Amino acid sequence: MPLFTERLILRGYRGWGGPRKPRCVQAEPALAHLDVWDPAREEYWNQGYGTEATKEVIRYCFEVNALHRLGLLVYESNARAVALYKKLGFVEEGRVREMNWRAPGEWEDAISMGMLEKEYFARKKAEEAATL
């Protein structure tokens, strides 16, 4: 699984695109903010890749790049992703109403979620204490 995580980060982080141009991560260093998008393919579901990759992106953002905030948008129909992000500590901050056209006459909202640096380190400290 680590190879998948490395590829996700290397493919997505600005300047590390290799043969592909960065498309998954938009970094704004002046704002110390990072938005992540990664359309996962069904063949990788239920193997822990999304959880591991998301944990590694979060760790990298806060521990290596010292970002203040990590944010994302996820469509409300993607219940698996919403549950994963909440499990990893993201907080729902709001909604972008009717952002995605799903079917004739059917729009869906995008949920804005975020995590602050202090929330990440408090959660990490609590998890480390629980393993002792």
N, C-alpha and C. Protein backbone atom coordinates (compact mmCIF):
# COMPACT_ATOMS: atom_id res chain seq x y z
N MET A 1 0.80 -1.21 0.00
CA MET A 1 0.00 0.00 0.00
C MET A 1 0.84 1.28 0.00
N PRO A 2 2.01 1.34 0.59
CA PRO A 2 2.77 2.59 0.58
C PRO A 2 3.07 3.11 -0.82
N LEU A 3 3.27 2.22 -1.80
CA LEU A 3 3.56 2.66 -3.15
C LEU A 3 2.41 3.49 -3.69
N PHE A 4 1.18 3.05 -3.43
CA PHE A 4 0.00 3.80 -3.88
C PHE A 4 0.00 5.18 -3.24
N THR A 5 0.26 5.25 -1.95
CA THR A 5 0.28 6.52 -1.24
C THR A 5 1.33 7.45 -1.82
N GLU A 6 2.53 6.93 -2.06
CA GLU A 6 3.58 7.78 -2.63
C GLU A 6 3.18 8.30 -3.99
N ARG A 7 2.60 7.45 -4.80
CA ARG A 7 2.18 7.90 -6.13
C ARG A 7 1.10 8.95 -6.04
N LEU A 8 0.16 8.79 -5.11
CA LEU A 8 -0.89 9.79 -4.96
C LEU A 8 -0.29 11.15 -4.63
N ILE A 9 0.63 11.16 -3.68
CA ILE A 9 1.23 12.42 -3.27
C ILE A 9 2.12 12.97 -4.37
N LEU A 10 2.97 12.14 -4.93
CA LEU A 10 3.89 12.62 -5.95
C LEU A 10 3.16 13.10 -7.19
N ARG A 11 2.09 12.44 -7.55
CA ARG A 11 1.34 12.85 -8.71
C ARG A 11 0.63 14.17 -8.46
N GLY A 12 0.19 14.37 -7.22
CA GLY A 12 -0.67 15.50 -6.96
C GLY A 12 -0.01 16.77 -6.48
N TYR A 13 1.12 16.67 -5.82
CA TYR A 13 1.68 17.87 -5.20
C TYR A 13 2.37 18.73 -6.24
N ARG A 14 2.15 20.03 -6.20
CA ARG A 14 2.69 20.96 -7.18
C ARG A 14 4.20 20.76 -7.36
N GLY A 15 4.61 20.63 -8.61
CA GLY A 15 6.02 20.50 -8.92
C GLY A 15 6.53 19.08 -8.93
N TRP A 16 5.74 18.12 -8.48
CA TRP A 16 6.17 16.73 -8.44
C TRP A 16 5.40 15.88 -9.44
N GLY A 17 4.94 16.46 -10.52
CA GLY A 17 4.03 15.77 -11.41
C GLY A 17 4.62 14.65 -12.22
N GLY A 18 5.94 14.60 -12.37
CA GLY A 18 6.52 13.56 -13.20
C GLY A 18 5.95 13.64 -14.60
N PRO A 19 5.55 12.50 -15.17
CA PRO A 19 5.01 12.53 -16.53
C PRO A 19 3.62 13.17 -16.61
N ARG A 20 2.94 13.29 -15.47
CA ARG A 20 1.61 13.89 -15.48
C ARG A 20 1.68 15.25 -14.81
N LYS A 21 0.89 16.16 -15.30
CA LYS A 21 0.83 17.48 -14.67
C LYS A 21 0.01 17.35 -13.38
N PRO A 22 0.36 18.10 -12.34
CA PRO A 22 -0.41 18.02 -11.10
C PRO A 22 -1.87 18.33 -11.35
N ARG A 23 -2.76 17.47 -10.82
CA ARG A 23 -4.17 17.71 -11.01
C ARG A 23 -4.98 17.47 -9.74
N CYS A 24 -4.35 16.90 -8.74
CA CYS A 24 -5.10 16.52 -7.55
C CYS A 24 -4.97 17.51 -6.41
N VAL A 25 -3.95 18.29 -6.40
CA VAL A 25 -3.72 19.16 -5.25
C VAL A 25 -3.45 20.58 -5.72
N GLN A 26 -4.10 21.51 -5.08
CA GLN A 26 -3.87 22.92 -5.37
C GLN A 26 -3.31 23.55 -4.10
N ALA A 27 -2.07 24.00 -4.16
CA ALA A 27 -1.43 24.58 -2.98
C ALA A 27 -1.42 26.09 -3.09
N GLU A 28 -1.72 26.73 -2.00
CA GLU A 28 -1.68 28.19 -1.92
C GLU A 28 -0.81 28.55 -0.72
N PRO A 29 0.52 28.58 -0.88
CA PRO A 29 1.41 28.77 0.27
C PRO A 29 1.15 30.07 1.02
N ALA A 30 0.78 31.12 0.33
CA ALA A 30 0.55 32.39 1.02
C ALA A 30 -0.61 32.28 2.01
N LEU A 31 -1.56 31.41 1.70
CA LEU A 31 -2.71 31.23 2.59
C LEU A 31 -2.52 30.05 3.53
N ALA A 32 -1.43 29.31 3.34
CA ALA A 32 -1.18 28.09 4.11
C ALA A 32 -2.43 27.20 4.08
N HIS A 33 -2.88 26.92 2.90
CA HIS A 33 -4.13 26.21 2.69
C HIS A 33 -3.94 25.22 1.55
N LEU A 34 -4.56 24.07 1.63
CA LEU A 34 -4.42 23.06 0.60
C LEU A 34 -5.77 22.42 0.34
N ASP A 35 -6.17 22.33 -0.91
CA ASP A 35 -7.39 21.62 -1.28
C ASP A 35 -7.00 20.37 -2.04
N VAL A 36 -7.61 19.25 -1.71
CA VAL A 36 -7.25 17.97 -2.30
C VAL A 36 -8.46 17.38 -3.02
N TRP A 37 -8.23 16.90 -4.25
CA TRP A 37 -9.24 16.17 -5.00
C TRP A 37 -8.58 14.91 -5.51
N ASP A 38 -9.23 13.77 -5.39
CA ASP A 38 -8.70 12.55 -5.98
C ASP A 38 -9.86 11.64 -6.36
N PRO A 39 -10.27 11.65 -7.62
CA PRO A 39 -11.35 10.75 -8.04
C PRO A 39 -10.87 9.31 -8.02
N ALA A 40 -11.30 8.56 -7.04
CA ALA A 40 -10.84 7.17 -6.88
C ALA A 40 -11.60 6.24 -7.83
N ARG A 41 -10.90 5.25 -8.33
CA ARG A 41 -11.52 4.26 -9.20
C ARG A 41 -12.04 3.10 -8.35
N GLU A 42 -13.14 2.52 -8.78
CA GLU A 42 -13.80 1.46 -8.02
C GLU A 42 -12.90 0.25 -7.77
N GLU A 43 -11.96 -0.01 -8.65
CA GLU A 43 -11.08 -1.17 -8.47
C GLU A 43 -10.23 -1.06 -7.21
N TYR A 44 -10.08 0.14 -6.64
CA TYR A 44 -9.29 0.33 -5.43
C TYR A 44 -10.13 0.39 -4.16
N TRP A 45 -11.45 0.27 -4.28
CA TRP A 45 -12.31 0.37 -3.11
C TRP A 45 -12.10 -0.83 -2.18
N ASN A 46 -12.39 -0.62 -0.90
CA ASN A 46 -12.39 -1.67 0.13
C ASN A 46 -11.04 -2.34 0.33
N GLN A 47 -9.97 -1.63 0.05
CA GLN A 47 -8.64 -2.17 0.28
C GLN A 47 -7.82 -1.28 1.21
N GLY A 48 -8.41 -0.21 1.71
CA GLY A 48 -7.72 0.67 2.63
C GLY A 48 -6.85 1.72 1.97
N TYR A 49 -6.81 1.74 0.64
CA TYR A 49 -5.97 2.71 -0.06
C TYR A 49 -6.40 4.15 0.22
N GLY A 50 -7.69 4.40 0.15
CA GLY A 50 -8.19 5.76 0.37
C GLY A 50 -7.88 6.24 1.77
N THR A 51 -8.06 5.39 2.76
CA THR A 51 -7.76 5.76 4.14
C THR A 51 -6.28 6.04 4.31
N GLU A 52 -5.44 5.12 3.83
CA GLU A 52 -3.99 5.30 3.97
C GLU A 52 -3.51 6.54 3.22
N ALA A 53 -3.98 6.70 2.00
CA ALA A 53 -3.54 7.85 1.20
C ALA A 53 -3.98 9.16 1.83
N THR A 54 -5.22 9.21 2.31
CA THR A 54 -5.72 10.43 2.93
C THR A 54 -4.97 10.75 4.21
N LYS A 55 -4.70 9.74 5.03
CA LYS A 55 -3.89 9.95 6.24
C LYS A 55 -2.52 10.50 5.91
N GLU A 56 -1.90 9.95 4.86
CA GLU A 56 -0.57 10.40 4.48
C GLU A 56 -0.59 11.83 3.93
N VAL A 57 -1.60 12.18 3.16
CA VAL A 57 -1.72 13.56 2.67
C VAL A 57 -1.88 14.51 3.85
N ILE A 58 -2.73 14.15 4.81
CA ILE A 58 -2.95 14.99 5.99
C ILE A 58 -1.63 15.14 6.77
N ARG A 59 -0.96 14.02 7.03
CA ARG A 59 0.31 14.07 7.75
C ARG A 59 1.32 14.95 7.02
N TYR A 60 1.44 14.76 5.73
CA TYR A 60 2.40 15.52 4.94
C TYR A 60 2.09 17.02 4.98
N CYS A 61 0.82 17.34 4.88
CA CYS A 61 0.43 18.76 4.89
C CYS A 61 0.79 19.44 6.20
N PHE A 62 0.49 18.78 7.31
CA PHE A 62 0.69 19.42 8.61
C PHE A 62 2.10 19.23 9.16
N GLU A 63 2.68 18.05 9.01
CA GLU A 63 3.98 17.79 9.61
C GLU A 63 5.15 18.21 8.73
N VAL A 64 5.04 18.12 7.43
CA VAL A 64 6.14 18.47 6.54
C VAL A 64 6.01 19.90 6.03
N ASN A 65 4.81 20.26 5.58
CA ASN A 65 4.61 21.59 4.99
C ASN A 65 4.10 22.63 5.99
N ALA A 66 3.80 22.22 7.20
CA ALA A 66 3.35 23.12 8.25
C ALA A 66 2.19 24.00 7.81
N LEU A 67 1.22 23.39 7.11
CA LEU A 67 0.03 24.14 6.72
C LEU A 67 -0.82 24.45 7.95
N HIS A 68 -1.58 25.49 7.86
CA HIS A 68 -2.49 25.86 8.95
C HIS A 68 -3.84 25.18 8.80
N ARG A 69 -4.26 24.95 7.55
CA ARG A 69 -5.60 24.44 7.28
C ARG A 69 -5.57 23.52 6.08
N LEU A 70 -6.37 22.45 6.15
CA LEU A 70 -6.55 21.54 5.03
C LEU A 70 -8.05 21.49 4.73
N GLY A 71 -8.43 21.73 3.50
CA GLY A 71 -9.84 21.77 3.16
C GLY A 71 -10.16 20.92 1.95
N LEU A 72 -11.42 20.52 1.83
CA LEU A 72 -11.85 19.72 0.69
C LEU A 72 -13.32 19.96 0.42
N LEU A 73 -13.72 19.63 -0.79
CA LEU A 73 -15.13 19.60 -1.18
C LEU A 73 -15.45 18.16 -1.58
N VAL A 74 -16.58 17.65 -1.12
CA VAL A 74 -17.00 16.30 -1.47
C VAL A 74 -18.49 16.34 -1.78
N TYR A 75 -18.91 15.65 -2.85
CA TYR A 75 -20.32 15.63 -3.19
C TYR A 75 -21.10 14.85 -2.15
N GLU A 76 -22.30 15.34 -1.84
CA GLU A 76 -23.10 14.72 -0.79
C GLU A 76 -23.46 13.27 -1.11
N SER A 77 -23.50 12.89 -2.37
CA SER A 77 -23.82 11.51 -2.73
C SER A 77 -22.67 10.55 -2.44
N ASN A 78 -21.49 11.06 -2.16
CA ASN A 78 -20.32 10.22 -1.90
C ASN A 78 -20.23 9.93 -0.40
N ALA A 79 -21.16 9.13 0.07
CA ALA A 79 -21.27 8.85 1.51
C ALA A 79 -20.00 8.18 2.05
N ARG A 80 -19.37 7.33 1.26
CA ARG A 80 -18.14 6.66 1.71
C ARG A 80 -17.04 7.67 2.01
N ALA A 81 -16.89 8.64 1.12
CA ALA A 81 -15.85 9.66 1.32
C ALA A 81 -16.18 10.55 2.51
N VAL A 82 -17.44 10.95 2.63
CA VAL A 82 -17.84 11.80 3.76
C VAL A 82 -17.53 11.09 5.08
N ALA A 83 -17.88 9.80 5.15
CA ALA A 83 -17.62 9.03 6.37
C ALA A 83 -16.12 8.92 6.65
N LEU A 84 -15.33 8.70 5.61
CA LEU A 84 -13.87 8.61 5.78
C LEU A 84 -13.31 9.92 6.31
N TYR A 85 -13.69 11.03 5.69
CA TYR A 85 -13.16 12.33 6.11
C TYR A 85 -13.55 12.64 7.55
N LYS A 86 -14.77 12.34 7.94
CA LYS A 86 -15.19 12.56 9.33
C LYS A 86 -14.39 11.67 10.28
N LYS A 87 -14.18 10.41 9.89
CA LYS A 87 -13.41 9.46 10.72
C LYS A 87 -11.99 9.97 10.94
N LEU A 88 -11.43 10.64 9.94
CA LEU A 88 -10.06 11.13 10.04
C LEU A 88 -9.95 12.51 10.67
N GLY A 89 -11.08 13.11 11.04
CA GLY A 89 -11.04 14.35 11.78
C GLY A 89 -11.49 15.60 11.05
N PHE A 90 -11.94 15.48 9.80
CA PHE A 90 -12.45 16.66 9.10
C PHE A 90 -13.80 17.05 9.68
N VAL A 91 -14.08 18.34 9.65
CA VAL A 91 -15.32 18.90 10.18
C VAL A 91 -16.10 19.52 9.03
N GLU A 92 -17.41 19.29 9.00
CA GLU A 92 -18.23 19.93 7.97
C GLU A 92 -18.32 21.42 8.27
N GLU A 93 -17.96 22.23 7.28
CA GLU A 93 -17.93 23.69 7.45
C GLU A 93 -19.05 24.40 6.71
N GLY A 94 -19.63 23.73 5.74
CA GLY A 94 -20.70 24.36 4.97
C GLY A 94 -21.00 23.57 3.72
N ARG A 95 -21.80 24.18 2.85
CA ARG A 95 -22.20 23.52 1.61
C ARG A 95 -22.16 24.50 0.46
N VAL A 96 -21.83 23.97 -0.70
CA VAL A 96 -21.98 24.71 -1.94
C VAL A 96 -23.22 24.11 -2.59
N ARG A 97 -24.29 24.87 -2.59
CA ARG A 97 -25.57 24.34 -3.03
C ARG A 97 -25.60 24.08 -4.54
N GLU A 98 -26.20 22.95 -4.88
CA GLU A 98 -26.43 22.55 -6.27
C GLU A 98 -25.20 22.76 -7.15
N MET A 99 -24.11 22.18 -6.73
CA MET A 99 -22.84 22.34 -7.46
C MET A 99 -22.66 21.30 -8.56
N ASN A 100 -23.27 20.13 -8.41
CA ASN A 100 -23.05 19.03 -9.35
C ASN A 100 -24.36 18.59 -9.97
N TRP A 101 -24.36 18.47 -11.30
CA TRP A 101 -25.53 17.99 -12.04
C TRP A 101 -25.43 16.48 -12.15
N ARG A 102 -26.36 15.75 -11.53
CA ARG A 102 -26.29 14.29 -11.48
C ARG A 102 -27.13 13.60 -12.54
N ALA A 103 -28.32 14.06 -12.72
CA ALA A 103 -29.25 13.43 -13.66
C ALA A 103 -30.23 14.51 -14.12
N PRO A 104 -31.00 14.21 -15.15
CA PRO A 104 -31.97 15.23 -15.60
C PRO A 104 -32.82 15.73 -14.44
N GLY A 105 -32.68 17.01 -14.17
CA GLY A 105 -33.47 17.63 -13.10
C GLY A 105 -32.96 17.40 -11.70
N GLU A 106 -31.75 16.84 -11.54
CA GLU A 106 -31.26 16.50 -10.21
C GLU A 106 -29.89 17.13 -9.96
N TRP A 107 -29.85 18.05 -9.04
CA TRP A 107 -28.60 18.68 -8.62
C TRP A 107 -28.22 18.14 -7.24
N GLU A 108 -26.94 18.22 -6.92
CA GLU A 108 -26.52 17.84 -5.57
C GLU A 108 -25.55 18.88 -5.03
N ASP A 109 -25.53 18.97 -3.71
CA ASP A 109 -24.64 19.90 -3.03
C ASP A 109 -23.25 19.30 -2.88
N ALA A 110 -22.27 20.17 -2.72
CA ALA A 110 -20.93 19.76 -2.33
C ALA A 110 -20.75 20.18 -0.87
N ILE A 111 -20.21 19.30 -0.08
CA ILE A 111 -19.98 19.58 1.33
C ILE A 111 -18.54 20.08 1.48
N SER A 112 -18.39 21.22 2.13
CA SER A 112 -17.08 21.77 2.41
C SER A 112 -16.64 21.25 3.78
N MET A 113 -15.47 20.63 3.82
CA MET A 113 -14.95 20.09 5.07
C MET A 113 -13.54 20.61 5.27
N GLY A 114 -13.13 20.72 6.53
CA GLY A 114 -11.80 21.22 6.80
C GLY A 114 -11.23 20.67 8.09
N MET A 115 -9.92 20.84 8.22
CA MET A 115 -9.20 20.45 9.42
C MET A 115 -8.13 21.50 9.67
N LEU A 116 -8.02 21.92 10.92
CA LEU A 116 -7.00 22.89 11.30
C LEU A 116 -5.79 22.17 11.87
N GLU A 117 -4.66 22.84 11.79
CA GLU A 117 -3.41 22.30 12.31
C GLU A 117 -3.55 21.87 13.77
N LYS A 118 -4.14 22.72 14.60
CA LYS A 118 -4.27 22.40 16.03
C LYS A 118 -5.17 21.18 16.24
N GLU A 119 -6.19 20.99 15.38
CA GLU A 119 -7.05 19.82 15.49
C GLU A 119 -6.28 18.55 15.12
N TYR A 120 -5.46 18.64 14.09
CA TYR A 120 -4.66 17.49 13.67
C TYR A 120 -3.73 17.04 14.79
N PHE A 121 -2.98 18.00 15.37
CA PHE A 121 -2.00 17.62 16.39
C PHE A 121 -2.67 17.18 17.69
N ALA A 122 -3.81 17.74 18.03
CA ALA A 122 -4.54 17.28 19.22
C ALA A 122 -5.02 15.84 19.01
N ARG A 123 -5.53 15.55 17.83
CA ARG A 123 -6.00 14.20 17.51
C ARG A 123 -4.83 13.22 17.51
N LYS A 124 -3.70 13.62 16.93
CA LYS A 124 -2.52 12.75 16.87
C LYS A 124 -2.03 12.44 18.29
N LYS A 125 -2.00 13.45 19.14
CA LYS A 125 -1.55 13.27 20.52
C LYS A 125 -2.47 12.31 21.27
N ALA A 126 -3.79 12.47 21.07
CA ALA A 126 -4.76 11.59 21.74
C ALA A 126 -4.62 10.15 21.25
N GLU A 127 -4.40 9.96 19.94
CA GLU A 127 -4.22 8.62 19.38
C GLU A 127 -2.95 7.96 19.91
N GLU A 128 -1.88 8.74 20.03
CA GLU A 128 -0.61 8.20 20.57
C GLU A 128 -0.77 7.82 22.03
N ALA A 129 -1.49 8.63 22.79
CA ALA A 129 -1.72 8.33 24.21
C ALA A 129 -2.57 7.07 24.37
N ALA A 130 -3.52 6.87 23.47
CA ALA A 130 -4.39 5.71 23.55
C ALA A 130 -3.65 4.40 23.24
N THR A 131 -2.55 4.49 22.51
CA THR A 131 -1.80 3.28 22.16
C THR A 131 -0.77 2.90 23.23
N LEU A 132 -0.57 3.76 24.21
CA LEU A 132 0.40 3.45 25.27
C LEU A 132 -0.18 2.49 26.29
